[in-house]
Amino acid sequence: MLTAIVMVRTEPDRIPEAAQEISELSGISEVYSVTGEWDLIVMVRVRQHDELADVIADRLSKIEGVVETVTQIAFRTYSRHDLEDAFSLGMD
């Protein structure tokens, strides 16, 4: 599984709508509205490297109101949450 963190700048009046539309895209696991330089932080999780271009360049960046994106690709995951999910047998 590949993980990319995408910082998104939107038109100010489109933040909630853009966040909702982005969250509905296949390959998007989370969308956070944040303070600071960026309006949204988007977590993209895909199986193949080529899917990143499909999700980010071909769909996310074309959402109405998206002005700019910067993408960081994760090398490793150190989150306890992700490690627990990876080894879960689905038994709750």
Protein backbone atom coordinates (compact mmCIF):
# COMPACT_ATOMS: atom_id res chain seq x y z
CA MET A 1 0.00 0.00 0.00
CA LEU A 2 1.36 3.42 -0.98
CA THR A 3 0.51 6.47 1.10
CA ALA A 4 0.70 10.05 -0.10
CA ILE A 5 0.03 13.17 1.94
CA VAL A 6 -1.37 15.97 -0.19
CA MET A 7 -1.52 19.56 1.00
CA VAL A 8 -4.32 21.40 -0.79
CA ARG A 9 -5.01 25.10 -1.17
CA THR A 10 -8.55 25.99 -2.21
CA GLU A 11 -10.58 29.07 -2.96
CA PRO A 12 -11.69 30.27 0.51
CA ASP A 13 -15.41 29.97 -0.18
CA ARG A 14 -15.03 26.38 -1.50
CA ILE A 15 -13.19 24.73 1.41
CA PRO A 16 -16.11 22.65 2.77
CA GLU A 17 -17.42 21.67 -0.66
CA ALA A 18 -13.96 20.80 -2.01
CA ALA A 19 -13.21 18.74 1.12
CA GLN A 20 -16.44 16.79 0.74
CA GLU A 21 -15.90 16.14 -2.97
CA ILE A 22 -12.29 15.06 -2.38
CA SER A 23 -13.36 12.71 0.44
CA GLU A 24 -15.66 10.89 -1.98
CA LEU A 25 -12.87 10.04 -4.44
CA SER A 26 -11.66 6.46 -4.59
CA GLY A 27 -8.20 6.21 -3.02
CA ILE A 28 -8.80 8.98 -0.48
CA SER A 29 -8.81 7.73 3.10
CA GLU A 30 -9.02 11.01 5.03
CA VAL A 31 -9.43 14.74 4.47
CA TYR A 32 -8.56 17.23 7.21
CA SER A 33 -9.45 20.91 7.27
CA VAL A 34 -6.43 22.58 8.90
CA THR A 35 -5.03 25.93 9.95
CA GLY A 36 -1.96 27.52 8.45
CA GLU A 37 -0.64 27.80 4.92
CA TRP A 38 -2.81 24.98 3.53
CA ASP A 39 -6.58 24.56 3.70
CA LEU A 40 -6.78 20.77 3.53
CA ILE A 41 -4.52 17.80 4.22
CA VAL A 42 -5.51 14.73 2.24
CA MET A 43 -4.37 11.16 2.86
CA VAL A 44 -4.21 9.08 -0.31
CA ARG A 45 -3.78 5.30 -0.05
CA VAL A 46 -3.41 3.23 -3.22
CA ARG A 47 -1.95 -0.14 -4.18
CA GLN A 48 0.03 0.87 -7.29
CA HIS A 49 2.30 3.86 -7.91
CA ASP A 50 0.45 4.68 -11.16
CA GLU A 51 -2.77 5.14 -9.18
CA LEU A 52 -1.30 8.21 -7.50
CA ALA A 53 -1.40 10.14 -10.78
CA ASP A 54 -4.97 9.01 -11.38
CA VAL A 55 -6.17 10.08 -7.93
CA ILE A 56 -4.13 13.25 -7.45
CA ALA A 57 -3.42 14.74 -10.88
CA ASP A 58 -6.43 13.46 -12.80
CA ARG A 59 -9.18 13.80 -10.18
CA LEU A 60 -8.27 15.64 -6.96
CA SER A 61 -6.56 18.58 -8.65
CA LYS A 62 -9.58 19.05 -10.94
CA ILE A 63 -12.09 19.47 -8.11
CA GLU A 64 -13.75 22.89 -8.37
CA GLY A 65 -12.01 25.34 -6.06
CA VAL A 66 -8.68 23.48 -5.79
CA VAL A 67 -5.97 26.04 -6.53
CA GLU A 68 -2.73 24.26 -5.62
CA THR A 69 -1.46 20.91 -4.34
CA VAL A 70 1.83 19.65 -2.98
CA THR A 71 2.32 15.91 -2.58
CA GLN A 72 4.60 14.05 -0.20
CA ILE A 73 4.99 10.27 -0.63
CA ALA A 74 5.52 8.28 2.57
CA PHE A 75 8.45 5.84 2.70
CA ARG A 76 7.39 4.04 5.89
CA THR A 77 4.52 4.08 8.34
CA TYR A 78 5.25 4.25 12.05
CA SER A 79 1.70 4.80 13.27
CA ARG A 80 0.54 2.34 15.92
CA HIS A 81 -2.96 2.58 14.43
CA ASP A 82 -1.80 1.50 10.96
CA LEU A 83 0.33 -1.32 12.37
CA GLU A 84 -2.57 -2.67 14.41
CA ASP A 85 -4.85 -2.62 11.36
CA ALA A 86 -2.26 -4.38 9.23
CA PHE A 87 -2.10 -7.31 11.65
CA SER A 88 -5.78 -7.39 12.56
CA LEU A 89 -7.63 -10.63 11.92
CA GLY A 90 -10.93 -8.77 11.84
CA MET A 91 -11.91 -10.13 15.22
CA ASP A 92 -13.39 -7.44 17.47
